[in-house]
Structures are given as structure tokens and as C-alpha cells.
Amino acid sequence: IIIRQGQWYRMVFINKTMMHHPMHIHGHWFILRNGHGAYDPKLHTVDVPPGATVVVDFHADTTGQWYFHCHNLYHMMSGMANIIRYAGPVPKSSYTAPINLTDTGEYLPGPSSQKIFNATRLSVQGDFIHQDYEGELNSLIGTDDNKLQLFTNDFEIDDGKLEKSNLDIFYYHPISQFWAIKGGANVVAKPAKYTYVQPGIGIEGLMPFFIETNFRTYYHKGNERFDLALERDTQLTKNLFIGLEARGIANTKNQSENDIGSGFSESELSVKPFYRLTPWMNIYVKYENDRYYGATRKIIKNDGESPSNDTISLGASFLF
């Protein structure tokens, strides 16, 4: 959205949804036009209630380019965001980071930050009746464009015995606002008889309707393994959500020593209501249905294990 220095602008928000939208522009103040004239309030963020129309004015008194978005995190990450930028060449002194000017005087975003960041999501859960415990880890370490990813959604201890354990150690590179490509090594400890390392590549991101997507493929001793996981969280109240997850695994070759059979091998379906205690901590109840198919099902049964399992677990997830 292009604006010009020194002018006043009016925004009219027309909310045709059943959700609140707290709207915010970085670097500027809104004046909420609510009929009190000179006493209309000045606000950083203006809530637009369901079915309502809200009118605000703001003064273009700060040069540069500024993020304009809904302050509901799920709405913002789904794409309810834009950029407010000033027309014409802008002095570099108005930026906190270097910019690039084109021949026409238009400016482009400055280079990505090279500062090292770390973001980690850790989930732990347990079925205390059957003594079944699971963990998930997704850790990203690096700069804006180049990261190291440590990832596992296969860590399980059943009745004191390690049943599943593998870890992606991947290079992770964003290719757009919502998608990233990745690749590297996957270290498998269980259910394999012996620990081994296999190469892997994948793509991860956000599909329409806020469906988190994680597709990976690995290669080991002639077997190509395909792993697709889909997940969506739906907000029910301010702090109550429900998560739905689906995962499917397929292989191209039998490897009985690693509990791997060719064809479509395994599915995981789960429902996870969770409550947000803080922005960094959730507690949840998770129902999960795991099933094995085809050649893998036969291998699992020959090992004396059940080819299908239903579990209900209590857990907590942390973001740090």
C-alpha cells in the first residue's frame, strides 16, 4: 500500500467474518473515529468486532516501510498482512537496516539479517496407564535464510523400552514467506536392529486453510521412504484450540530387519484439544490411532506386536 509523506489517510475496516480482527500498523498511531470529535482516542491497535465497520485515521509522519497486519497470530500467519510504504526515494537515515534504491528512486527491502536465531518447539506426552511416552522436537538455529533443523516426530518409549527413535539433521532454507526446502541426514536408532544414517530431503510449509505440511523422503539400501504429515489447529475460544493431525508413510522395498515393508506402510490420525496457558506453553489431551498395512503389518505381527493401537495421552508443549 503506497502512501505519501505528510498526508492524512482514512481506513475503513468492514468485518464480514465472525472473528475479531485487532488491526495494527507499525510505526504509526490510529485515531479511532467513534463520534467524540477532538476526543476520539489515539490507539496503536484497533479491534474490529465481528460484523462491524470501524473507521480510523492516521498521519503519514514516519518514512520507510511498515508492517500492517491483524494481531491475531493465526490470522497474520495465514496471510492477513501487508506492507505500508512511502512513495519516492527515502533517506537511508530513516532505516534501521541498509536499503537498496532502484534507478527510478523506488526502494527495495534491505538484506536479510545475518544474526543467529534459535526457535525450538518441544512436546512431551504420556499414556500413564500403558506406560507409553512420546516426544516431538522441532528446533531451527541460524540466520533468516540459512538454518540448521533438528527434527523428530518419532520418539517413543513403551513400558520402559525404546520403541522409536530417529532425528533429522537438516539444512533448512526458506524459499518464500510460507515454504522452505530442507535436506541432510536422518539418524535412525529404533525400530532398526542397528543404528544407521540415511540421506533425506523435504519441503515444509503452510498450505491454504492454515494446514501445516511436512513432506520428507529418505533413501537407505535401495529403499525409498516417503513421509507426509498434515496438521491444522483451530481456535475455539481465546485460549482453547483443537488440533487435527494426519500422517502417512510408504516404502518401496522390504527391510524386515528395520520393521519396514514395501507399499503403504503406516498411518497416524490424531485429535488434540489443547489449552494455551501462556504464549510459550500449552497443555493438551491427545487421542491417536496408529495402524500398519501390507508387508509392514505382517512384519509387525511376526515380531509379536499389535498392528493397530489407540492411545490417549496427556502432554505439554513448549516454545523457546
C-alpha atoms as a PDB file:
ATOM      1  CA  ILE A   1       0.000   0.000   0.000  1.00  0.00           C
ATOM      2  CA  ILE A   2       1.700   3.205  -1.211  1.00  0.00           C
ATOM      3  CA  ILE A   3       1.314   6.403   0.829  1.00  0.00           C
ATOM      4  CA  ARG A   4       2.956   9.859   0.737  1.00  0.00           C
ATOM      5  CA  GLN A   5       4.828  11.718   3.445  1.00  0.00           C
ATOM      6  CA  GLY A   6       2.838  14.291   5.428  1.00  0.00           C
ATOM      7  CA  GLN A   7      -0.669  13.296   4.313  1.00  0.00           C
ATOM      8  CA  TRP A   8      -3.580  12.057   6.401  1.00  0.00           C
ATOM      9  CA  TYR A   9      -5.241   8.770   5.472  1.00  0.00           C
ATOM     10  CA  ARG A  10      -8.533   7.165   6.433  1.00  0.00           C
ATOM     11  CA  MET A  11      -9.052   3.408   6.666  1.00  0.00           C
ATOM     12  CA  VAL A  12     -12.491   1.817   6.774  1.00  0.00           C
ATOM     13  CA  PHE A  13     -12.465  -1.743   8.142  1.00  0.00           C
ATOM     14  CA  ILE A  14     -15.556  -3.767   7.161  1.00  0.00           C
ATOM     15  CA  ASN A  15     -15.577  -7.070   9.018  1.00  0.00           C
ATOM     16  CA  LYS A  16     -17.820  -9.635   7.334  1.00  0.00           C
ATOM     17  CA  THR A  17     -16.459 -12.516   9.404  1.00  0.00           C
ATOM     18  CA  MET A  18     -17.448 -13.946  12.789  1.00  0.00           C
ATOM     19  CA  MET A  19     -13.994 -13.249  14.248  1.00  0.00           C
ATOM     20  CA  HIS A  20     -12.372 -10.263  15.948  1.00  0.00           C
ATOM     21  CA  HIS A  21      -9.560  -8.614  13.995  1.00  0.00           C
ATOM     22  CA  PRO A  22      -7.205  -6.389  16.060  1.00  0.00           C
ATOM     23  CA  MET A  23      -5.566  -4.283  13.326  1.00  0.00           C
ATOM     24  CA  HIS A  24      -2.171  -2.622  13.746  1.00  0.00           C
ATOM     25  CA  ILE A  25       0.359  -0.612  11.695  1.00  0.00           C
ATOM     26  CA  HIS A  26       3.924  -0.493  12.958  1.00  0.00           C
ATOM     27  CA  GLY A  27       5.360   2.991  13.463  1.00  0.00           C
ATOM     28  CA  HIS A  28       2.047   4.882  13.443  1.00  0.00           C
ATOM     29  CA  TRP A  29      -0.936   5.777  15.604  1.00  0.00           C
ATOM     30  CA  PHE A  30      -4.591   5.218  14.717  1.00  0.00           C
ATOM     31  CA  ILE A  31      -7.244   7.788  15.653  1.00  0.00           C
ATOM     32  CA  LEU A  32     -10.442   5.826  16.204  1.00  0.00           C
ATOM     33  CA  ARG A  33     -13.356   7.835  14.814  1.00  0.00           C
ATOM     34  CA  ASN A  34     -16.080   6.993  17.337  1.00  0.00           C
ATOM     35  CA  GLY A  35     -18.024  10.248  17.336  1.00  0.00           C
ATOM     36  CA  HIS A  36     -16.197  12.201  20.048  1.00  0.00           C
ATOM     37  CA  GLY A  37     -14.503  14.680  17.713  1.00  0.00           C
ATOM     38  CA  ALA A  38     -11.298  16.078  19.209  1.00  0.00           C
ATOM     39  CA  TYR A  39     -11.569  13.472  21.981  1.00  0.00           C
ATOM     40  CA  ASP A  40     -11.503  10.452  19.670  1.00  0.00           C
ATOM     41  CA  PRO A  41      -8.919   8.063  21.159  1.00  0.00           C
ATOM     42  CA  LYS A  42      -5.426   7.526  19.760  1.00  0.00           C
ATOM     43  CA  LEU A  43      -4.534   3.819  19.642  1.00  0.00           C
ATOM     44  CA  HIS A  44      -1.746   1.575  18.380  1.00  0.00           C
ATOM     45  CA  THR A  45      -4.185  -1.294  17.731  1.00  0.00           C
ATOM     46  CA  VAL A  46      -7.879  -1.102  16.860  1.00  0.00           C
ATOM     47  CA  ASP A  47     -10.208  -4.070  17.341  1.00  0.00           C
ATOM     48  CA  VAL A  48     -12.730  -4.670  14.547  1.00  0.00           C
ATOM     49  CA  PRO A  49     -15.528  -6.819  16.061  1.00  0.00           C
ATOM     50  CA  PRO A  50     -17.484  -9.439  14.081  1.00  0.00           C
ATOM     51  CA  GLY A  51     -19.927  -7.854  11.639  1.00  0.00           C
ATOM     52  CA  ALA A  52     -18.757  -4.334  12.464  1.00  0.00           C
ATOM     53  CA  THR A  53     -17.421  -1.373  10.478  1.00  0.00           C
ATOM     54  CA  VAL A  54     -14.631   0.666  12.097  1.00  0.00           C
ATOM     55  CA  VAL A  55     -13.178   3.947  10.772  1.00  0.00           C
ATOM     56  CA  VAL A  56      -9.683   5.174  11.671  1.00  0.00           C
ATOM     57  CA  ASP A  57      -7.389   7.999  10.531  1.00  0.00           C
ATOM     58  CA  PHE A  58      -3.588   8.053  10.644  1.00  0.00           C
ATOM     59  CA  HIS A  59      -0.892  10.588   9.779  1.00  0.00           C
ATOM     60  CA  ALA A  60       1.902   9.584   7.394  1.00  0.00           C
ATOM     61  CA  ASP A  61       4.640  11.131   9.502  1.00  0.00           C
ATOM     62  CA  THR A  62       7.238   8.318   9.579  1.00  0.00           C
ATOM     63  CA  THR A  63       9.176   7.417   6.430  1.00  0.00           C
ATOM     64  CA  GLY A  64      10.125   3.922   5.425  1.00  0.00           C
ATOM     65  CA  GLN A  65       8.096   0.737   5.061  1.00  0.00           C
ATOM     66  CA  TRP A  66       5.943  -0.672   7.839  1.00  0.00           C
ATOM     67  CA  TYR A  67       4.171  -3.925   8.587  1.00  0.00           C
ATOM     68  CA  PHE A  68       0.346  -3.729   8.592  1.00  0.00           C
ATOM     69  CA  HIS A  69      -1.443  -6.797   9.992  1.00  0.00           C
ATOM     70  CA  CYS A  70      -4.070  -8.441  12.160  1.00  0.00           C
ATOM     71  CA  HIS A  71      -2.682  -9.013  15.653  1.00  0.00           C
ATOM     72  CA  ASN A  72      -4.287 -12.451  15.920  1.00  0.00           C
ATOM     73  CA  LEU A  73      -1.239 -14.642  15.305  1.00  0.00           C
ATOM     74  CA  TYR A  74      -3.165 -17.288  13.365  1.00  0.00           C
ATOM     75  CA  HIS A  75      -4.741 -14.679  11.084  1.00  0.00           C
ATOM     76  CA  MET A  76      -1.416 -12.910  10.483  1.00  0.00           C
ATOM     77  CA  MET A  77       0.452 -16.136   9.660  1.00  0.00           C
ATOM     78  CA  SER A  78      -2.369 -17.147   7.320  1.00  0.00           C
ATOM     79  CA  GLY A  79      -1.690 -14.038   5.241  1.00  0.00           C
ATOM     80  CA  MET A  80      -3.783 -11.234   6.819  1.00  0.00           C
ATOM     81  CA  ALA A  81      -0.904  -8.798   6.469  1.00  0.00           C
ATOM     82  CA  ASN A  82       0.516  -6.200   4.112  1.00  0.00           C
ATOM     83  CA  ILE A  83       3.194  -3.525   3.841  1.00  0.00           C
ATOM     84  CA  ILE A  84       2.596   0.229   4.150  1.00  0.00           C
ATOM     85  CA  ARG A  85       5.390   2.041   2.318  1.00  0.00           C
ATOM     86  CA  TYR A  86       6.139   5.636   1.459  1.00  0.00           C
ATOM     87  CA  ALA A  87       6.368   6.680  -2.218  1.00  0.00           C
ATOM     88  CA  GLY A  88       9.580   8.056  -3.708  1.00  0.00           C
ATOM     89  CA  PRO A  89      13.190   7.793  -2.575  1.00  0.00           C
ATOM     90  CA  VAL A  90      13.684   7.589   1.166  1.00  0.00           C
ATOM     91  CA  PRO A  91      16.779   8.768   3.093  1.00  0.00           C
ATOM     92  CA  LYS A  92      18.811   5.867   4.400  1.00  0.00           C
ATOM     93  CA  SER A  93      18.853   7.515   7.812  1.00  0.00           C
ATOM     94  CA  SER A  94      15.159   6.582   8.190  1.00  0.00           C
ATOM     95  CA  TYR A  95      16.001   2.864   8.220  1.00  0.00           C
ATOM     96  CA  THR A  96      17.462   0.697  10.902  1.00  0.00           C
ATOM     97  CA  ALA A  97      18.907  -1.533   8.167  1.00  0.00           C
ATOM     98  CA  PRO A  98      20.509  -0.707   4.785  1.00  0.00           C
ATOM     99  CA  ILE A  99      18.212  -0.367   1.749  1.00  0.00           C
ATOM    100  CA  ASN A 100      18.648  -0.634  -1.990  1.00  0.00           C
ATOM    101  CA  LEU A 101      17.432   2.165  -4.285  1.00  0.00           C
ATOM    102  CA  THR A 102      16.473   1.494  -7.906  1.00  0.00           C
ATOM    103  CA  ASP A 103      17.208   3.848 -10.804  1.00  0.00           C
ATOM    104  CA  THR A 104      13.673   5.258 -10.539  1.00  0.00           C
ATOM    105  CA  GLY A 105      14.050   6.121  -6.880  1.00  0.00           C
ATOM    106  CA  GLU A 106      11.902   3.244  -5.655  1.00  0.00           C
ATOM    107  CA  TYR A 107      13.362   1.285  -2.800  1.00  0.00           C
ATOM    108  CA  LEU A 108      13.668  -2.410  -2.141  1.00  0.00           C
ATOM    109  CA  PRO A 109      13.814  -4.239   1.199  1.00  0.00           C
ATOM    110  CA  GLY A 110      17.216  -4.354   2.833  1.00  0.00           C
ATOM    111  CA  PRO A 111      19.214  -7.586   3.113  1.00  0.00           C
ATOM    112  CA  SER A 112      18.134 -10.353   5.457  1.00  0.00           C
ATOM    113  CA  SER A 113      19.508 -10.318   8.975  1.00  0.00           C
ATOM    114  CA  GLN A 114      22.647 -12.394   9.494  1.00  0.00           C
ATOM    115  CA  LYS A 115      22.097 -12.615  13.233  1.00  0.00           C
ATOM    116  CA  ILE A 116      21.889 -16.150  14.647  1.00  0.00           C
ATOM    117  CA  PHE A 117      18.434 -17.021  15.995  1.00  0.00           C
ATOM    118  CA  ASN A 118      17.098 -20.100  17.768  1.00  0.00           C
ATOM    119  CA  ALA A 119      13.466 -21.267  17.904  1.00  0.00           C
ATOM    120  CA  THR A 120      12.509 -24.620  19.432  1.00  0.00           C
ATOM    121  CA  ARG A 121       9.179 -26.377  19.925  1.00  0.00           C
ATOM    122  CA  LEU A 122       9.224 -29.361  22.277  1.00  0.00           C
ATOM    123  CA  SER A 123       6.246 -31.614  23.048  1.00  0.00           C
ATOM    124  CA  VAL A 124       6.160 -34.418  25.623  1.00  0.00           C
ATOM    125  CA  GLN A 125       3.188 -36.686  26.338  1.00  0.00           C
ATOM    126  CA  GLY A 126       2.373 -39.860  28.190  1.00  0.00           C
ATOM    127  CA  ASP A 127      -0.235 -42.627  28.384  1.00  0.00           C
ATOM    128  CA  PHE A 128       0.323 -43.384  32.042  1.00  0.00           C
ATOM    129  CA  ILE A 129      -1.984 -46.424  32.104  1.00  0.00           C
ATOM    130  CA  HIS A 130       0.004 -48.310  29.442  1.00  0.00           C
ATOM    131  CA  GLN A 131       3.345 -46.669  30.317  1.00  0.00           C
ATOM    132  CA  ASP A 132       3.678 -45.260  26.776  1.00  0.00           C
ATOM    133  CA  TYR A 133       5.609 -41.971  26.421  1.00  0.00           C
ATOM    134  CA  GLU A 134       6.320 -39.904  23.314  1.00  0.00           C
ATOM    135  CA  GLY A 135       8.231 -36.769  22.398  1.00  0.00           C
ATOM    136  CA  GLU A 136       8.477 -34.388  19.427  1.00  0.00           C
ATOM    137  CA  LEU A 137      11.171 -31.796  18.690  1.00  0.00           C
ATOM    138  CA  ASN A 138      11.496 -29.090  16.045  1.00  0.00           C
ATOM    139  CA  SER A 139      14.478 -26.768  16.506  1.00  0.00           C
ATOM    140  CA  LEU A 140      15.721 -24.159  13.997  1.00  0.00           C
ATOM    141  CA  ILE A 141      19.106 -22.499  14.539  1.00  0.00           C
ATOM    142  CA  GLY A 142      20.651 -19.961  12.163  1.00  0.00           C
ATOM    143  CA  THR A 143      20.085 -16.794  10.153  1.00  0.00           C
ATOM    144  CA  ASP A 144      16.956 -15.697   8.285  1.00  0.00           C
ATOM    145  CA  ASP A 145      17.897 -17.637   5.142  1.00  0.00           C
ATOM    146  CA  ASN A 146      20.164 -20.454   6.349  1.00  0.00           C
ATOM    147  CA  LYS A 147      19.268 -22.657   9.295  1.00  0.00           C
ATOM    148  CA  LEU A 148      20.095 -25.962  10.927  1.00  0.00           C
ATOM    149  CA  GLN A 149      16.977 -28.003  11.679  1.00  0.00           C
ATOM    150  CA  LEU A 150      16.846 -30.720  14.342  1.00  0.00           C
ATOM    151  CA  PHE A 151      13.534 -32.531  13.969  1.00  0.00           C
ATOM    152  CA  THR A 152      11.858 -35.689  15.198  1.00  0.00           C
ATOM    153  CA  ASN A 153       8.247 -36.790  15.489  1.00  0.00           C
ATOM    154  CA  ASP A 154       9.251 -40.406  16.137  1.00  0.00           C
ATOM    155  CA  PHE A 155      10.457 -40.787  19.717  1.00  0.00           C
ATOM    156  CA  GLU A 156       8.583 -43.344  21.784  1.00  0.00           C
ATOM    157  CA  ILE A 157       9.195 -45.311  24.979  1.00  0.00           C
ATOM    158  CA  ASP A 158       6.772 -48.181  25.639  1.00  0.00           C
ATOM    159  CA  ASP A 159       6.812 -49.910  29.017  1.00  0.00           C
ATOM    160  CA  GLY A 160      10.349 -48.714  29.673  1.00  0.00           C
ATOM    161  CA  LYS A 161      11.645 -49.877  26.273  1.00  0.00           C
ATOM    162  CA  LEU A 162      12.744 -47.541  23.476  1.00  0.00           C
ATOM    163  CA  GLU A 163      10.466 -48.363  20.524  1.00  0.00           C
ATOM    164  CA  LYS A 164      11.069 -45.482  18.086  1.00  0.00           C
ATOM    165  CA  SER A 165      13.909 -43.008  17.750  1.00  0.00           C
ATOM    166  CA  ASN A 166      15.196 -41.042  14.764  1.00  0.00           C
ATOM    167  CA  LEU A 167      16.409 -37.489  14.182  1.00  0.00           C
ATOM    168  CA  ASP A 168      16.629 -35.245  11.114  1.00  0.00           C
ATOM    169  CA  ILE A 169      19.776 -33.116  10.975  1.00  0.00           C
ATOM    170  CA  PHE A 170      18.887 -30.937   8.002  1.00  0.00           C
ATOM    171  CA  TYR A 171      19.928 -27.739   6.264  1.00  0.00           C
ATOM    172  CA  TYR A 172      16.754 -25.586   6.127  1.00  0.00           C
ATOM    173  CA  HIS A 173      16.278 -22.783   3.568  1.00  0.00           C
ATOM    174  CA  PRO A 174      13.099 -20.653   3.170  1.00  0.00           C
ATOM    175  CA  ILE A 175      12.057 -20.188  -0.469  1.00  0.00           C
ATOM    176  CA  SER A 176       9.012 -17.973   0.187  1.00  0.00           C
ATOM    177  CA  GLN A 177       7.014 -16.440   3.026  1.00  0.00           C
ATOM    178  CA  PHE A 178       5.372 -19.778   3.777  1.00  0.00           C
ATOM    179  CA  TRP A 179       7.608 -22.553   2.399  1.00  0.00           C
ATOM    180  CA  ALA A 180      11.097 -23.948   2.973  1.00  0.00           C
ATOM    181  CA  ILE A 181      13.188 -26.714   1.429  1.00  0.00           C
ATOM    182  CA  LYS A 182      15.492 -28.888   3.507  1.00  0.00           C
ATOM    183  CA  GLY A 183      17.910 -31.763   3.288  1.00  0.00           C
ATOM    184  CA  GLY A 184      20.618 -33.624   5.145  1.00  0.00           C
ATOM    185  CA  ALA A 185      20.972 -36.738   7.263  1.00  0.00           C
ATOM    186  CA  ASN A 186      18.480 -38.779   9.258  1.00  0.00           C
ATOM    187  CA  VAL A 187      19.855 -40.862  12.137  1.00  0.00           C
ATOM    188  CA  VAL A 188      17.716 -43.971  12.896  1.00  0.00           C
ATOM    189  CA  ALA A 189      18.190 -45.819  16.191  1.00  0.00           C
ATOM    190  CA  LYS A 190      14.856 -47.662  16.535  1.00  0.00           C
ATOM    191  CA  PRO A 191      12.991 -49.774  15.427  1.00  0.00           C
ATOM    192  CA  ALA A 192      16.098 -50.717  13.411  1.00  0.00           C
ATOM    193  CA  LYS A 193      18.223 -53.553  14.783  1.00  0.00           C
ATOM    194  CA  TYR A 194      21.317 -51.385  14.328  1.00  0.00           C
ATOM    195  CA  THR A 195      21.660 -47.608  14.221  1.00  0.00           C
ATOM    196  CA  TYR A 196      22.164 -46.248  10.699  1.00  0.00           C
ATOM    197  CA  VAL A 197      22.261 -42.901   8.860  1.00  0.00           C
ATOM    198  CA  GLN A 198      20.297 -42.208   5.679  1.00  0.00           C
ATOM    199  CA  PRO A 199      20.172 -39.112   3.421  1.00  0.00           C
ATOM    200  CA  GLY A 200      16.909 -37.209   3.163  1.00  0.00           C
ATOM    201  CA  ILE A 201      15.268 -34.183   1.571  1.00  0.00           C
ATOM    202  CA  GLY A 202      11.946 -32.472   2.134  1.00  0.00           C
ATOM    203  CA  ILE A 203       9.671 -29.472   1.885  1.00  0.00           C
ATOM    204  CA  GLU A 204       7.832 -27.830   4.762  1.00  0.00           C
ATOM    205  CA  GLY A 205       5.297 -25.034   4.881  1.00  0.00           C
ATOM    206  CA  LEU A 206       1.779 -23.729   5.142  1.00  0.00           C
ATOM    207  CA  MET A 207      -0.946 -24.703   2.656  1.00  0.00           C
ATOM    208  CA  PRO A 208      -4.225 -22.778   2.265  1.00  0.00           C
ATOM    209  CA  PHE A 209      -6.639 -23.051   5.204  1.00  0.00           C
ATOM    210  CA  PHE A 210      -3.617 -22.975   7.518  1.00  0.00           C
ATOM    211  CA  ILE A 211      -2.657 -26.619   7.010  1.00  0.00           C
ATOM    212  CA  GLU A 212       0.910 -27.201   8.219  1.00  0.00           C
ATOM    213  CA  THR A 213       2.633 -29.548   5.776  1.00  0.00           C
ATOM    214  CA  ASN A 214       5.823 -31.560   6.244  1.00  0.00           C
ATOM    215  CA  PHE A 215       6.895 -33.897   3.433  1.00  0.00           C
ATOM    216  CA  ARG A 216      10.176 -35.845   3.634  1.00  0.00           C
ATOM    217  CA  THR A 217      11.762 -38.661   1.657  1.00  0.00           C
ATOM    218  CA  TYR A 218      14.755 -40.832   2.625  1.00  0.00           C
ATOM    219  CA  TYR A 219      16.947 -43.456   0.932  1.00  0.00           C
ATOM    220  CA  HIS A 220      18.595 -46.482   2.584  1.00  0.00           C
ATOM    221  CA  LYS A 221      19.863 -49.701   0.941  1.00  0.00           C
ATOM    222  CA  GLY A 222      17.594 -49.423  -2.081  1.00  0.00           C
ATOM    223  CA  ASN A 223      14.507 -48.384  -0.124  1.00  0.00           C
ATOM    224  CA  GLU A 224      12.864 -45.028  -0.837  1.00  0.00           C
ATOM    225  CA  ARG A 225      10.783 -43.899   2.152  1.00  0.00           C
ATOM    226  CA  PHE A 226       8.051 -41.246   1.845  1.00  0.00           C
ATOM    227  CA  ASP A 227       6.655 -39.459   4.907  1.00  0.00           C
ATOM    228  CA  LEU A 228       3.827 -36.890   4.690  1.00  0.00           C
ATOM    229  CA  ALA A 229       2.368 -35.142   7.753  1.00  0.00           C
ATOM    230  CA  LEU A 230      -0.530 -32.643   7.751  1.00  0.00           C
ATOM    231  CA  GLU A 231      -1.667 -30.651  10.765  1.00  0.00           C
ATOM    232  CA  ARG A 232      -4.209 -27.912  11.446  1.00  0.00           C
ATOM    233  CA  ASP A 233      -5.071 -26.062  14.669  1.00  0.00           C
ATOM    234  CA  THR A 234      -8.486 -24.401  15.024  1.00  0.00           C
ATOM    235  CA  GLN A 235      -9.099 -21.715  17.650  1.00  0.00           C
ATOM    236  CA  LEU A 236     -12.334 -22.302  19.611  1.00  0.00           C
ATOM    237  CA  THR A 237     -12.022 -19.631  22.316  1.00  0.00           C
ATOM    238  CA  LYS A 238      -9.330 -17.158  23.318  1.00  0.00           C
ATOM    239  CA  ASN A 239      -7.088 -19.897  24.733  1.00  0.00           C
ATOM    240  CA  LEU A 240      -8.765 -23.183  23.727  1.00  0.00           C
ATOM    241  CA  PHE A 241      -7.799 -24.876  20.457  1.00  0.00           C
ATOM    242  CA  ILE A 242      -8.263 -28.224  18.781  1.00  0.00           C
ATOM    243  CA  GLY A 243      -5.556 -29.791  16.628  1.00  0.00           C
ATOM    244  CA  LEU A 244      -6.103 -32.388  13.904  1.00  0.00           C
ATOM    245  CA  GLU A 245      -3.158 -34.373  12.541  1.00  0.00           C
ATOM    246  CA  ALA A 246      -2.793 -36.961   9.758  1.00  0.00           C
ATOM    247  CA  ARG A 247       0.391 -38.762   8.703  1.00  0.00           C
ATOM    248  CA  GLY A 248       1.127 -41.431   6.129  1.00  0.00           C
ATOM    249  CA  ILE A 249       4.309 -43.423   5.414  1.00  0.00           C
ATOM    250  CA  ALA A 250       5.157 -45.525   2.336  1.00  0.00           C
ATOM    251  CA  ASN A 251       8.209 -47.543   1.291  1.00  0.00           C
ATOM    252  CA  THR A 252       9.447 -49.096  -1.946  1.00  0.00           C
ATOM    253  CA  LYS A 253      11.341 -52.112  -0.536  1.00  0.00           C
ATOM    254  CA  ASN A 254      11.057 -54.652   2.276  1.00  0.00           C
ATOM    255  CA  GLN A 255      13.593 -54.368   5.109  1.00  0.00           C
ATOM    256  CA  SER A 256      12.352 -56.729   7.804  1.00  0.00           C
ATOM    257  CA  GLU A 257      15.402 -56.048   9.994  1.00  0.00           C
ATOM    258  CA  ASN A 258      14.211 -52.419  10.251  1.00  0.00           C
ATOM    259  CA  ASP A 259      10.459 -53.225  10.533  1.00  0.00           C
ATOM    260  CA  ILE A 260       9.906 -51.787   7.034  1.00  0.00           C
ATOM    261  CA  GLY A 261       7.618 -53.292   4.405  1.00  0.00           C
ATOM    262  CA  SER A 262       7.001 -52.149   0.841  1.00  0.00           C
ATOM    263  CA  GLY A 263       3.881 -50.215  -0.188  1.00  0.00           C
ATOM    264  CA  PHE A 264       1.738 -48.013   2.020  1.00  0.00           C
ATOM    265  CA  SER A 265       3.093 -48.889   5.449  1.00  0.00           C
ATOM    266  CA  GLU A 266       1.673 -46.791   8.272  1.00  0.00           C
ATOM    267  CA  SER A 267      -0.950 -44.177   9.132  1.00  0.00           C
ATOM    268  CA  GLU A 268      -1.326 -41.936  12.160  1.00  0.00           C
ATOM    269  CA  LEU A 269      -4.517 -39.986  12.893  1.00  0.00           C
ATOM    270  CA  SER A 270      -4.951 -37.839  15.986  1.00  0.00           C
ATOM    271  CA  VAL A 271      -7.219 -35.305  17.670  1.00  0.00           C
ATOM    272  CA  LYS A 272      -5.591 -32.957  20.175  1.00  0.00           C
ATOM    273  CA  PRO A 273      -7.604 -30.388  22.179  1.00  0.00           C
ATOM    274  CA  PHE A 274      -5.152 -28.028  23.888  1.00  0.00           C
ATOM    275  CA  TYR A 275      -5.269 -25.046  26.208  1.00  0.00           C
ATOM    276  CA  ARG A 276      -2.794 -22.172  25.930  1.00  0.00           C
ATOM    277  CA  LEU A 277      -1.504 -21.328  29.403  1.00  0.00           C
ATOM    278  CA  THR A 278       0.969 -18.764  28.073  1.00  0.00           C
ATOM    279  CA  PRO A 279       2.193 -17.877  24.545  1.00  0.00           C
ATOM    280  CA  TRP A 280       5.045 -20.341  25.240  1.00  0.00           C
ATOM    281  CA  MET A 281       3.241 -23.265  26.880  1.00  0.00           C
ATOM    282  CA  ASN A 282       0.224 -25.450  26.038  1.00  0.00           C
ATOM    283  CA  ILE A 283      -1.272 -28.417  27.837  1.00  0.00           C
ATOM    284  CA  TYR A 284      -3.271 -30.990  25.892  1.00  0.00           C
ATOM    285  CA  VAL A 285      -5.083 -34.310  25.701  1.00  0.00           C
ATOM    286  CA  LYS A 286      -4.312 -36.339  22.578  1.00  0.00           C
ATOM    287  CA  TYR A 287      -6.165 -39.296  21.082  1.00  0.00           C
ATOM    288  CA  GLU A 288      -4.066 -41.131  18.482  1.00  0.00           C
ATOM    289  CA  ASN A 289      -4.813 -44.067  16.193  1.00  0.00           C
ATOM    290  CA  ASP A 290      -1.783 -45.856  14.668  1.00  0.00           C
ATOM    291  CA  ARG A 291      -2.182 -48.581  12.031  1.00  0.00           C
ATOM    292  CA  TYR A 292       0.219 -50.666   9.943  1.00  0.00           C
ATOM    293  CA  TYR A 293      -0.591 -52.024   6.489  1.00  0.00           C
ATOM    294  CA  GLY A 294       0.553 -54.562   3.898  1.00  0.00           C
ATOM    295  CA  ALA A 295       4.023 -56.055   4.252  1.00  0.00           C
ATOM    296  CA  THR A 296       4.808 -53.868   7.262  1.00  0.00           C
ATOM    297  CA  ARG A 297       1.730 -55.231   9.064  1.00  0.00           C
ATOM    298  CA  LYS A 298       2.995 -58.788   8.589  1.00  0.00           C
ATOM    299  CA  ILE A 299       6.452 -57.859   9.900  1.00  0.00           C
ATOM    300  CA  ILE A 300       4.946 -56.161  12.972  1.00  0.00           C
ATOM    301  CA  LYS A 301       2.713 -59.188  13.726  1.00  0.00           C
ATOM    302  CA  ASN A 302       5.649 -61.589  13.302  1.00  0.00           C
ATOM    303  CA  ASP A 303       7.500 -59.524  15.922  1.00  0.00           C
ATOM    304  CA  GLY A 304       4.626 -60.173  18.339  1.00  0.00           C
ATOM    305  CA  GLU A 305       3.393 -56.573  18.290  1.00  0.00           C
ATOM    306  CA  SER A 306      -0.074 -55.199  17.614  1.00  0.00           C
ATOM    307  CA  PRO A 307      -0.645 -53.848  14.061  1.00  0.00           C
ATOM    308  CA  SER A 308      -3.012 -51.166  15.378  1.00  0.00           C
ATOM    309  CA  ASN A 309      -3.002 -49.045  18.515  1.00  0.00           C
ATOM    310  CA  ASP A 310      -5.304 -46.477  20.103  1.00  0.00           C
ATOM    311  CA  THR A 311      -3.835 -44.270  22.810  1.00  0.00           C
ATOM    312  CA  ILE A 312      -4.994 -41.320  24.911  1.00  0.00           C
ATOM    313  CA  SER A 313      -2.163 -39.206  26.317  1.00  0.00           C
ATOM    314  CA  LEU A 314      -1.701 -36.147  28.478  1.00  0.00           C
ATOM    315  CA  GLY A 315       1.003 -33.739  27.359  1.00  0.00           C
ATOM    316  CA  ALA A 316       2.544 -30.293  27.274  1.00  0.00           C
ATOM    317  CA  SER A 317       4.307 -28.356  24.537  1.00  0.00           C
ATOM    318  CA  PHE A 318       6.846 -25.595  24.983  1.00  0.00           C
ATOM    319  CA  LEU A 319       8.162 -22.871  22.688  1.00  0.00           C
ATOM    320  CA  PHE A 320      11.527 -21.307  23.493  1.00  0.00           C
END
